[in-house]
Amino acid sequence: TVLLTLVPYVGAIAPGLPKEVAST
């Protein structure tokens, strides 16, 4: 539950991730 709930919010959890990747 913790893992899958955080999937759409990966951009907020990993700020260094490119915005295009997080959006995809």
mmCIF file of all heavy atoms, coordinates in Angstrom:
data_MODEL
# 
_entry.id   MODEL 
# 
loop_
_atom_site.group_PDB 
_atom_site.id 
_atom_site.type_symbol 
_atom_site.label_atom_id 
_atom_site.label_alt_id 
_atom_site.label_comp_id 
_atom_site.label_asym_id 
_atom_site.label_entity_id 
_atom_site.label_seq_id 
_atom_site.pdbx_PDB_ins_code 
_atom_site.Cartn_x 
_atom_site.Cartn_y 
_atom_site.Cartn_z 
_atom_site.occupancy 
_atom_site.B_iso_or_equiv 
_atom_site.pdbx_formal_charge 
_atom_site.auth_seq_id 
_atom_site.auth_comp_id 
_atom_site.auth_asym_id 
_atom_site.auth_atom_id 
_atom_site.pdbx_PDB_model_num 
ATOM 1   N N   . THR A 1 1  ? 0.833  -1.211 0.000   1.00 0.00 ? 1  THR A N   1 
ATOM 2   C CA  . THR A 1 1  ? 0.000  0.000  0.000   1.00 0.00 ? 1  THR A CA  1 
ATOM 3   C C   . THR A 1 1  ? 0.860  1.251  0.000   1.00 0.00 ? 1  THR A C   1 
ATOM 4   O O   . THR A 1 1  ? 0.598  2.198  -0.760  1.00 0.00 ? 1  THR A O   1 
ATOM 5   C CB  . THR A 1 1  ? -0.931 -0.003 1.224   1.00 0.00 ? 1  THR A CB  1 
ATOM 6   O OG1 . THR A 1 1  ? -1.760 -1.163 1.184   1.00 0.00 ? 1  THR A OG1 1 
ATOM 7   C CG2 . THR A 1 1  ? -1.803 1.242  1.233   1.00 0.00 ? 1  THR A CG2 1 
ATOM 8   N N   . VAL A 1 2  ? 1.865  1.262  0.839   1.00 0.00 ? 2  VAL A N   1 
ATOM 9   C CA  . VAL A 1 2  ? 2.773  2.417  0.884   1.00 0.00 ? 2  VAL A CA  1 
ATOM 10  C C   . VAL A 1 2  ? 3.443  2.602  -0.475  1.00 0.00 ? 2  VAL A C   1 
ATOM 11  O O   . VAL A 1 2  ? 3.499  3.717  -1.015  1.00 0.00 ? 2  VAL A O   1 
ATOM 12  C CB  . VAL A 1 2  ? 3.830  2.232  1.991   1.00 0.00 ? 2  VAL A CB  1 
ATOM 13  C CG1 . VAL A 1 2  ? 4.852  3.362  1.937   1.00 0.00 ? 2  VAL A CG1 1 
ATOM 14  C CG2 . VAL A 1 2  ? 3.164  2.177  3.357   1.00 0.00 ? 2  VAL A CG2 1 
ATOM 15  N N   . LEU A 1 3  ? 3.921  1.518  -1.055  1.00 0.00 ? 3  LEU A N   1 
ATOM 16  C CA  . LEU A 1 3  ? 4.652  1.581  -2.322  1.00 0.00 ? 3  LEU A CA  1 
ATOM 17  C C   . LEU A 1 3  ? 3.768  2.088  -3.461  1.00 0.00 ? 3  LEU A C   1 
ATOM 18  O O   . LEU A 1 3  ? 4.128  3.040  -4.170  1.00 0.00 ? 3  LEU A O   1 
ATOM 19  C CB  . LEU A 1 3  ? 5.205  0.204  -2.667  1.00 0.00 ? 3  LEU A CB  1 
ATOM 20  C CG  . LEU A 1 3  ? 5.942  0.068  -4.005  1.00 0.00 ? 3  LEU A CG  1 
ATOM 21  C CD1 . LEU A 1 3  ? 7.182  0.945  -4.011  1.00 0.00 ? 3  LEU A CD1 1 
ATOM 22  C CD2 . LEU A 1 3  ? 6.302  -1.385 -4.272  1.00 0.00 ? 3  LEU A CD2 1 
ATOM 23  N N   . LEU A 1 4  ? 2.593  1.492  -3.644  1.00 0.00 ? 4  LEU A N   1 
ATOM 24  C CA  . LEU A 1 4  ? 1.754  1.840  -4.787  1.00 0.00 ? 4  LEU A CA  1 
ATOM 25  C C   . LEU A 1 4  ? 1.059  3.195  -4.614  1.00 0.00 ? 4  LEU A C   1 
ATOM 26  O O   . LEU A 1 4  ? 0.793  3.880  -5.604  1.00 0.00 ? 4  LEU A O   1 
ATOM 27  C CB  . LEU A 1 4  ? 0.705  0.753  -5.027  1.00 0.00 ? 4  LEU A CB  1 
ATOM 28  C CG  . LEU A 1 4  ? 1.244  -0.597 -5.495  1.00 0.00 ? 4  LEU A CG  1 
ATOM 29  C CD1 . LEU A 1 4  ? 0.107  -1.552 -5.825  1.00 0.00 ? 4  LEU A CD1 1 
ATOM 30  C CD2 . LEU A 1 4  ? 2.155  -0.435 -6.710  1.00 0.00 ? 4  LEU A CD2 1 
ATOM 31  N N   . THR A 1 5  ? 0.763  3.584  -3.384  1.00 0.00 ? 5  THR A N   1 
ATOM 32  C CA  . THR A 1 5  ? 0.153  4.896  -3.174  1.00 0.00 ? 5  THR A CA  1 
ATOM 33  C C   . THR A 1 5  ? 1.108  6.011  -3.556  1.00 0.00 ? 5  THR A C   1 
ATOM 34  O O   . THR A 1 5  ? 0.681  7.079  -4.035  1.00 0.00 ? 5  THR A O   1 
ATOM 35  C CB  . THR A 1 5  ? -0.289 5.071  -1.708  1.00 0.00 ? 5  THR A CB  1 
ATOM 36  O OG1 . THR A 1 5  ? -1.166 4.005  -1.342  1.00 0.00 ? 5  THR A OG1 1 
ATOM 37  C CG2 . THR A 1 5  ? -1.018 6.398  -1.508  1.00 0.00 ? 5  THR A CG2 1 
ATOM 38  N N   . LEU A 1 6  ? 2.395  5.789  -3.358  1.00 0.00 ? 6  LEU A N   1 
ATOM 39  C CA  . LEU A 1 6  ? 3.384  6.827  -3.631  1.00 0.00 ? 6  LEU A CA  1 
ATOM 40  C C   . LEU A 1 6  ? 3.754  6.927  -5.107  1.00 0.00 ? 6  LEU A C   1 
ATOM 41  O O   . LEU A 1 6  ? 4.443  7.875  -5.490  1.00 0.00 ? 6  LEU A O   1 
ATOM 42  C CB  . LEU A 1 6  ? 4.657  6.557  -2.807  1.00 0.00 ? 6  LEU A CB  1 
ATOM 43  C CG  . LEU A 1 6  ? 4.499  6.655  -1.284  1.00 0.00 ? 6  LEU A CG  1 
ATOM 44  C CD1 . LEU A 1 6  ? 5.813  6.310  -0.603  1.00 0.00 ? 6  LEU A CD1 1 
ATOM 45  C CD2 . LEU A 1 6  ? 4.030  8.039  -0.859  1.00 0.00 ? 6  LEU A CD2 1 
ATOM 46  N N   . VAL A 1 7  ? 3.309  5.970  -5.941  1.00 0.00 ? 7  VAL A N   1 
ATOM 47  C CA  . VAL A 1 7  ? 3.683  5.986  -7.366  1.00 0.00 ? 7  VAL A CA  1 
ATOM 48  C C   . VAL A 1 7  ? 3.314  7.298  -8.057  1.00 0.00 ? 7  VAL A C   1 
ATOM 49  O O   . VAL A 1 7  ? 4.157  7.907  -8.726  1.00 0.00 ? 7  VAL A O   1 
ATOM 50  C CB  . VAL A 1 7  ? 3.063  4.784  -8.103  1.00 0.00 ? 7  VAL A CB  1 
ATOM 51  C CG1 . VAL A 1 7  ? 3.170  4.956  -9.619  1.00 0.00 ? 7  VAL A CG1 1 
ATOM 52  C CG2 . VAL A 1 7  ? 3.763  3.493  -7.688  1.00 0.00 ? 7  VAL A CG2 1 
ATOM 53  N N   . PRO A 1 8  ? 2.067  7.813  -7.941  1.00 0.00 ? 8  PRO A N   1 
ATOM 54  C CA  . PRO A 1 8  ? 1.746  9.066  -8.648  1.00 0.00 ? 8  PRO A CA  1 
ATOM 55  C C   . PRO A 1 8  ? 2.492  10.282 -8.100  1.00 0.00 ? 8  PRO A C   1 
ATOM 56  O O   . PRO A 1 8  ? 2.565  11.309 -8.774  1.00 0.00 ? 8  PRO A O   1 
ATOM 57  C CB  . PRO A 1 8  ? 0.234  9.219  -8.432  1.00 0.00 ? 8  PRO A CB  1 
ATOM 58  C CG  . PRO A 1 8  ? -0.245 7.876  -8.015  1.00 0.00 ? 8  PRO A CG  1 
ATOM 59  C CD  . PRO A 1 8  ? 0.898  7.250  -7.284  1.00 0.00 ? 8  PRO A CD  1 
ATOM 60  N N   . TYR A 1 9  ? 3.026  10.160 -6.876  1.00 0.00 ? 9  TYR A N   1 
ATOM 61  C CA  . TYR A 1 9  ? 3.692  11.300 -6.242  1.00 0.00 ? 9  TYR A CA  1 
ATOM 62  C C   . TYR A 1 9  ? 5.211  11.159 -6.258  1.00 0.00 ? 9  TYR A C   1 
ATOM 63  O O   . TYR A 1 9  ? 5.903  11.746 -5.438  1.00 0.00 ? 9  TYR A O   1 
ATOM 64  C CB  . TYR A 1 9  ? 3.213  11.437 -4.785  1.00 0.00 ? 9  TYR A CB  1 
ATOM 65  C CG  . TYR A 1 9  ? 1.716  11.505 -4.648  1.00 0.00 ? 9  TYR A CG  1 
ATOM 66  C CD1 . TYR A 1 9  ? 0.990  10.402 -4.190  1.00 0.00 ? 9  TYR A CD1 1 
ATOM 67  C CD2 . TYR A 1 9  ? 1.017  12.655 -4.978  1.00 0.00 ? 9  TYR A CD2 1 
ATOM 68  C CE1 . TYR A 1 9  ? -0.385 10.449 -4.063  1.00 0.00 ? 9  TYR A CE1 1 
ATOM 69  C CE2 . TYR A 1 9  ? -0.369 12.712 -4.844  1.00 0.00 ? 9  TYR A CE2 1 
ATOM 70  C CZ  . TYR A 1 9  ? -1.056 11.609 -4.393  1.00 0.00 ? 9  TYR A CZ  1 
ATOM 71  O OH  . TYR A 1 9  ? -2.420 11.671 -4.283  1.00 0.00 ? 9  TYR A OH  1 
ATOM 72  N N   . VAL A 1 10 ? 5.715  10.369 -7.198  1.00 0.00 ? 10 VAL A N   1 
ATOM 73  C CA  . VAL A 1 10 ? 7.153  10.109 -7.236  1.00 0.00 ? 10 VAL A CA  1 
ATOM 74  C C   . VAL A 1 10 ? 7.944  11.396 -7.448  1.00 0.00 ? 10 VAL A C   1 
ATOM 75  O O   . VAL A 1 10 ? 9.078  11.527 -6.984  1.00 0.00 ? 10 VAL A O   1 
ATOM 76  C CB  . VAL A 1 10 ? 7.465  9.067  -8.332  1.00 0.00 ? 10 VAL A CB  1 
ATOM 77  C CG1 . VAL A 1 10 ? 7.157  9.620  -9.717  1.00 0.00 ? 10 VAL A CG1 1 
ATOM 78  C CG2 . VAL A 1 10 ? 8.905  8.609  -8.259  1.00 0.00 ? 10 VAL A CG2 1 
ATOM 79  N N   . GLY A 1 11 ? 7.346  12.376 -8.137  1.00 0.00 ? 11 GLY A N   1 
ATOM 80  C CA  . GLY A 1 11 ? 8.036  13.647 -8.355  1.00 0.00 ? 11 GLY A CA  1 
ATOM 81  C C   . GLY A 1 11 ? 8.280  14.397 -7.064  1.00 0.00 ? 11 GLY A C   1 
ATOM 82  O O   . GLY A 1 11 ? 9.327  15.040 -6.895  1.00 0.00 ? 11 GLY A O   1 
ATOM 83  N N   . ALA A 1 12 ? 7.337  14.323 -6.121  1.00 0.00 ? 12 ALA A N   1 
ATOM 84  C CA  . ALA A 1 12 ? 7.503  15.004 -4.837  1.00 0.00 ? 12 ALA A CA  1 
ATOM 85  C C   . ALA A 1 12 ? 8.455  14.246 -3.923  1.00 0.00 ? 12 ALA A C   1 
ATOM 86  O O   . ALA A 1 12 ? 9.185  14.850 -3.126  1.00 0.00 ? 12 ALA A O   1 
ATOM 87  C CB  . ALA A 1 12 ? 6.147  15.162 -4.148  1.00 0.00 ? 12 ALA A CB  1 
ATOM 88  N N   . ILE A 1 13 ? 8.468  12.920 -4.041  1.00 0.00 ? 13 ILE A N   1 
ATOM 89  C CA  . ILE A 1 13 ? 9.334  12.117 -3.186  1.00 0.00 ? 13 ILE A CA  1 
ATOM 90  C C   . ILE A 1 13 ? 10.780 12.172 -3.654  1.00 0.00 ? 13 ILE A C   1 
ATOM 91  O O   . ILE A 1 13 ? 11.708 12.186 -2.841  1.00 0.00 ? 13 ILE A O   1 
ATOM 92  C CB  . ILE A 1 13 ? 8.838  10.656 -3.179  1.00 0.00 ? 13 ILE A CB  1 
ATOM 93  C CG1 . ILE A 1 13 ? 7.404  10.603 -2.684  1.00 0.00 ? 13 ILE A CG1 1 
ATOM 94  C CG2 . ILE A 1 13 ? 9.735  9.774  -2.331  1.00 0.00 ? 13 ILE A CG2 1 
ATOM 95  C CD1 . ILE A 1 13 ? 6.759  9.262  -2.875  1.00 0.00 ? 13 ILE A CD1 1 
ATOM 96  N N   . ALA A 1 14 ? 10.967 12.203 -4.981  1.00 0.00 ? 14 ALA A N   1 
ATOM 97  C CA  . ALA A 1 14 ? 12.309 12.248 -5.565  1.00 0.00 ? 14 ALA A CA  1 
ATOM 98  C C   . ALA A 1 14 ? 12.451 13.534 -6.372  1.00 0.00 ? 14 ALA A C   1 
ATOM 99  O O   . ALA A 1 14 ? 12.224 13.525 -7.591  1.00 0.00 ? 14 ALA A O   1 
ATOM 100 C CB  . ALA A 1 14 ? 12.558 11.027 -6.437  1.00 0.00 ? 14 ALA A CB  1 
ATOM 101 N N   . PRO A 1 15 ? 12.786 14.657 -5.728  1.00 0.00 ? 15 PRO A N   1 
ATOM 102 C CA  . PRO A 1 15 ? 12.863 15.943 -6.432  1.00 0.00 ? 15 PRO A CA  1 
ATOM 103 C C   . PRO A 1 15 ? 13.882 15.946 -7.566  1.00 0.00 ? 15 PRO A C   1 
ATOM 104 O O   . PRO A 1 15 ? 13.755 16.724 -8.512  1.00 0.00 ? 15 PRO A O   1 
ATOM 105 C CB  . PRO A 1 15 ? 13.264 16.932 -5.325  1.00 0.00 ? 15 PRO A CB  1 
ATOM 106 C CG  . PRO A 1 15 ? 12.903 16.251 -4.045  1.00 0.00 ? 15 PRO A CG  1 
ATOM 107 C CD  . PRO A 1 15 ? 13.079 14.794 -4.293  1.00 0.00 ? 15 PRO A CD  1 
ATOM 108 N N   . GLY A 1 16 ? 14.893 15.099 -7.486  1.00 0.00 ? 16 GLY A N   1 
ATOM 109 C CA  . GLY A 1 16 ? 15.910 15.074 -8.521  1.00 0.00 ? 16 GLY A CA  1 
ATOM 110 C C   . GLY A 1 16 ? 15.475 14.378 -9.797  1.00 0.00 ? 16 GLY A C   1 
ATOM 111 O O   . GLY A 1 16 ? 16.175 14.443 -10.814 1.00 0.00 ? 16 GLY A O   1 
ATOM 112 N N   . LEU A 1 17 ? 14.321 13.724 -9.762  1.00 0.00 ? 17 LEU A N   1 
ATOM 113 C CA  . LEU A 1 17 ? 13.831 13.022 -10.939 1.00 0.00 ? 17 LEU A CA  1 
ATOM 114 C C   . LEU A 1 17 ? 13.351 14.033 -11.984 1.00 0.00 ? 17 LEU A C   1 
ATOM 115 O O   . LEU A 1 17 ? 12.665 14.999 -11.642 1.00 0.00 ? 17 LEU A O   1 
ATOM 116 C CB  . LEU A 1 17 ? 12.682 12.098 -10.547 1.00 0.00 ? 17 LEU A CB  1 
ATOM 117 C CG  . LEU A 1 17 ? 12.250 11.036 -11.561 1.00 0.00 ? 17 LEU A CG  1 
ATOM 118 C CD1 . LEU A 1 17 ? 13.338 9.983  -11.717 1.00 0.00 ? 17 LEU A CD1 1 
ATOM 119 C CD2 . LEU A 1 17 ? 10.951 10.368 -11.088 1.00 0.00 ? 17 LEU A CD2 1 
ATOM 120 N N   . PRO A 1 18 ? 13.729 13.855 -13.268 1.00 0.00 ? 18 PRO A N   1 
ATOM 121 C CA  . PRO A 1 18 ? 13.261 14.786 -14.311 1.00 0.00 ? 18 PRO A CA  1 
ATOM 122 C C   . PRO A 1 18 ? 11.737 14.897 -14.322 1.00 0.00 ? 18 PRO A C   1 
ATOM 123 O O   . PRO A 1 18 ? 11.037 13.900 -14.126 1.00 0.00 ? 18 PRO A O   1 
ATOM 124 C CB  . PRO A 1 18 ? 13.786 14.154 -15.605 1.00 0.00 ? 18 PRO A CB  1 
ATOM 125 C CG  . PRO A 1 18 ? 14.957 13.339 -15.174 1.00 0.00 ? 18 PRO A CG  1 
ATOM 126 C CD  . PRO A 1 18 ? 14.627 12.830 -13.807 1.00 0.00 ? 18 PRO A CD  1 
ATOM 127 N N   . LYS A 1 19 ? 11.246 16.112 -14.556 1.00 0.00 ? 19 LYS A N   1 
ATOM 128 C CA  . LYS A 1 19 ? 9.807  16.346 -14.522 1.00 0.00 ? 19 LYS A CA  1 
ATOM 129 C C   . LYS A 1 19 ? 9.067  15.512 -15.566 1.00 0.00 ? 19 LYS A C   1 
ATOM 130 O O   . LYS A 1 19 ? 7.949  15.058 -15.337 1.00 0.00 ? 19 LYS A O   1 
ATOM 131 C CB  . LYS A 1 19 ? 9.522  17.827 -14.738 1.00 0.00 ? 19 LYS A CB  1 
ATOM 132 C CG  . LYS A 1 19 ? 9.981  18.719 -13.590 1.00 0.00 ? 19 LYS A CG  1 
ATOM 133 C CD  . LYS A 1 19 ? 9.593  20.166 -13.829 1.00 0.00 ? 19 LYS A CD  1 
ATOM 134 C CE  . LYS A 1 19 ? 10.027 21.056 -12.665 1.00 0.00 ? 19 LYS A CE  1 
ATOM 135 N NZ  . LYS A 1 19 ? 9.638  22.489 -12.884 1.00 0.00 ? 19 LYS A NZ  1 
ATOM 136 N N   . GLU A 1 20 ? 9.708  15.307 -16.730 1.00 0.00 ? 20 GLU A N   1 
ATOM 137 C CA  . GLU A 1 20 ? 9.067  14.530 -17.778 1.00 0.00 ? 20 GLU A CA  1 
ATOM 138 C C   . GLU A 1 20 ? 8.849  13.085 -17.325 1.00 0.00 ? 20 GLU A C   1 
ATOM 139 O O   . GLU A 1 20 ? 7.795  12.486 -17.576 1.00 0.00 ? 20 GLU A O   1 
ATOM 140 C CB  . GLU A 1 20 ? 9.909  14.543 -19.052 1.00 0.00 ? 20 GLU A CB  1 
ATOM 141 C CG  . GLU A 1 20 ? 10.048 15.907 -19.718 1.00 0.00 ? 20 GLU A CG  1 
ATOM 142 C CD  . GLU A 1 20 ? 11.073 16.791 -19.012 1.00 0.00 ? 20 GLU A CD  1 
ATOM 143 O OE1 . GLU A 1 20 ? 11.751 16.274 -18.083 1.00 0.00 ? 20 GLU A OE1 1 
ATOM 144 O OE2 . GLU A 1 20 ? 11.175 17.975 -19.359 1.00 0.00 ? 20 GLU A OE2 1 
ATOM 145 N N   . VAL A 1 21 ? 9.845  12.531 -16.633 1.00 0.00 ? 21 VAL A N   1 
ATOM 146 C CA  . VAL A 1 21 ? 9.735  11.152 -16.151 1.00 0.00 ? 21 VAL A CA  1 
ATOM 147 C C   . VAL A 1 21 ? 8.655  11.049 -15.074 1.00 0.00 ? 21 VAL A C   1 
ATOM 148 O O   . VAL A 1 21 ? 7.818  10.131 -15.090 1.00 0.00 ? 21 VAL A O   1 
ATOM 149 C CB  . VAL A 1 21 ? 11.093 10.664 -15.607 1.00 0.00 ? 21 VAL A CB  1 
ATOM 150 C CG1 . VAL A 1 21 ? 10.956 9.254  -15.011 1.00 0.00 ? 21 VAL A CG1 1 
ATOM 151 C CG2 . VAL A 1 21 ? 12.148 10.678 -16.698 1.00 0.00 ? 21 VAL A CG2 1 
ATOM 152 N N   . ALA A 1 22 ? 8.677  12.004 -14.134 1.00 0.00 ? 22 ALA A N   1 
ATOM 153 C CA  . ALA A 1 22 ? 7.687  11.994 -13.055 1.00 0.00 ? 22 ALA A CA  1 
ATOM 154 C C   . ALA A 1 22 ? 6.275  12.137 -13.609 1.00 0.00 ? 22 ALA A C   1 
ATOM 155 O O   . ALA A 1 22 ? 5.337  11.459 -13.168 1.00 0.00 ? 22 ALA A O   1 
ATOM 156 C CB  . ALA A 1 22 ? 7.980  13.121 -12.067 1.00 0.00 ? 22 ALA A CB  1 
ATOM 157 N N   . SER A 1 23 ? 6.106  13.010 -14.607 1.00 0.00 ? 23 SER A N   1 
ATOM 158 C CA  . SER A 1 23 ? 4.799  13.208 -15.220 1.00 0.00 ? 23 SER A CA  1 
ATOM 159 C C   . SER A 1 23 ? 4.325  11.960 -15.956 1.00 0.00 ? 23 SER A C   1 
ATOM 160 O O   . SER A 1 23 ? 3.147  11.587 -15.890 1.00 0.00 ? 23 SER A O   1 
ATOM 161 C CB  . SER A 1 23 ? 4.848  14.395 -16.186 1.00 0.00 ? 23 SER A CB  1 
ATOM 162 O OG  . SER A 1 23 ? 3.623  14.592 -16.829 1.00 0.00 ? 23 SER A OG  1 
ATOM 163 N N   . THR A 1 24 ? 5.249  11.292 -16.628 1.00 0.00 ? 24 THR A N   1 
ATOM 164 C CA  . THR A 1 24 ? 4.901  10.063 -17.351 1.00 0.00 ? 24 THR A CA  1 
ATOM 165 C C   . THR A 1 24 ? 4.464  8.971  -16.389 1.00 0.00 ? 24 THR A C   1 
ATOM 166 O O   . THR A 1 24 ? 3.473  8.268  -16.632 1.00 0.00 ? 24 THR A O   1 
ATOM 167 C CB  . THR A 1 24 ? 6.104  9.577  -18.178 1.00 0.00 ? 24 THR A CB  1 
ATOM 168 O OG1 . THR A 1 24 ? 6.488  10.594 -19.100 1.00 0.00 ? 24 THR A OG1 1 
ATOM 169 C CG2 . THR A 1 24 ? 5.760  8.299  -18.924 1.00 0.00 ? 24 THR A CG2 1 
# 
